[in-house]
Amino acid sequence: VGLGALLALDAAQGHAAARVRLALLGVAALCDVVLVGTLSRAGIVVWLAAQLLLLAGLMRSGGRLRRLGPLLALALLLLGFLWLGESTFVALKGRFADSGLPSLTAAGGKLHAWLDAWPLLRGHWLLGVGRGAFENAFQHMQPLAGRMRFVYLENEWLQAIVDWGLPTALALFGLLFLALRDSWQQPARRGSKVALLGLAALGAHNLFDFNLEVGGVAVAALGLVALCQKQRFAVPRWLAVGFAAATLALTLLVALRFPSHDEDGAQLRRICGDPAATVDQIAAAGSAAALRHPLDSYLSALVAARLTAEQRPDQRQRAQAEAASWINRALLANPHDVLAQHSGARLLIERGHRTQGLLLLGAALRDADDPQRLWLLRSLAGWAQGADEVFAALPAPAMAVELLEQLVTSPSPPWPLVQAVGERAVQLRLPGAAVWLGRAALALHASGSAQSAAQALLDEPGELPGRLMADLIDLLGQAGQAAAAEALVRRALGRSERAELLLTCAQLSEKRGASDEARQLLERALTR
């Protein structure tokens, strides 16, 4: 649309030419504002470059834009600044700043997705996976499918091959090639070179994007291809009309009778969220949805999670027996489905297979994103029986600190488990573990853990938590370990003269009869 407005701006003639130019200038400016507002890096670079090429060609050919070119560029720039505002430019700057090689090659980026999609292409090269099935088919291949889904591949050329298969995709590419060739061979026809430029820019843009998924772009591109191509054979009108009518009828049939996987998922969530729904009702709804969308792991995982959580005595045994098949179905479609892994771990642990259940929960923790991981850690805290099981399930020992934080900040912290996991984490010298071990030692009045936590806090760099340190030392003093307590508090005061530490040291001095020293320490504490 923007290129067309610029071409029409050059061609405007007659008495109303000034008003027409002004209107077309506004159209071109609005297109650029909307383009920049999308924050699409590939789109902004490709289409602004195409407009600059068009302007340069018109000015070189002596068109009316020779004098309007600089004015047009300035108007587009000013309108963009006035329209977008500061927040969009900050976001746009951040997007382009994140365009380096580390960002492009990071796990979960589009380059990795293109490589991960090749198994789909090899396995479905003749007919493709089917239009619209890519999102569900790709989750079986994508290593990060537990935490993210690719609705589009962000490469329209590769996406077409995966969706339609190689023969059909080559036929579609052939149509675009013929349109490019026909527009190149029509030098006398006004706009043919602009059409060529527009189609070439569209092709370049779709090497890194998926703008043909936008209906407005797809229809405009289809119309442009049709206008550029020569007629090569005649189609009877009745056949063309019949084909169009059949397409509309089949589209309407699919829309009314075959819901999308999002619609099926919403319906299934409503059924699974009904506490009164029976196992047979849930399984029947899940079977109907899975029959329409066999590659979608989420539908099966949703049914599995609901059945695994069933607590009604008359339904529980039947639900657990039914849940196993739904867990397997979900993991077959997506081995990284976190919801299915969580349900499988729960079912295994409740059936007494604790080792296998904890291993499956550990696999879910590896595949999860941050919110999912916190949810899984809370489940682990409720299922684990001791520190050995916790560390057997954790994919990385450093994750124990996150678990400790979840345990301590829960409404009813399981302090014995916090103490056991904290002791192991402190032995492994995990940063931050000493704070949570100290909290457990205070809650359980455990002097041994208090001493371990205090020593670990002193060994860690950074600011010393004075209140926690003072409480731990005070606990040691109350437990009759005055010598250890005084050694720790003197060492702590060497790092930070906090009022709490000075007061604790004064209390220890008073207990051993050093009243003058205690008074001096108390005065120093008061000045703090």
Foldseek 3Di string as FASTA:
>chain_A
DLLVLVLVLLVQDDPCNVVSNVVSLVVNLVVLLVQLLVLPPLSNVLVVVLVVVSLVVCLVVPTPCVVVVVVSVVVSVVSNPVPPDDVSVVVSVVSVVQPDPCNCPPQPHLVVLLVLCVVLCVVFQAAAPAPQLCQLQSLARRLLSQADTDSDSQAVLSRCRRHGHNVVSVVVVVLLVQLLVQLVVCVPDRCSVVLNSVSVSVNSSNRGGDVCVDPVVVVVNVVSSVVRHDDDDDDDPVVVVVVVVVVVVVVVCCVPPPDDLVVLVVVLCVLLPDLPRALVRSVVSLVVSCVSRVLHLVSLLSSLLSLLPNDDPVRNVVSLVVSVVSLVSSCVSHVQHLSSLLSVLSSCVVVPNNLVSLQSLLSNCVNYDDVSNLVSLVVCQVRDDAQVSVVSNHPDLLCLLVSLVSQVPDPDRPLVRLLRSLVVSLVVLRPPSLVSLLVSCLVVLPLVSLLSSLVSQLVDDDDRPLVSNLSSLVSCVVVVNLVSSLVSLVSVVVVPLALSSLQSNLVSCVVVPNNVSSVVSNVVSVVD
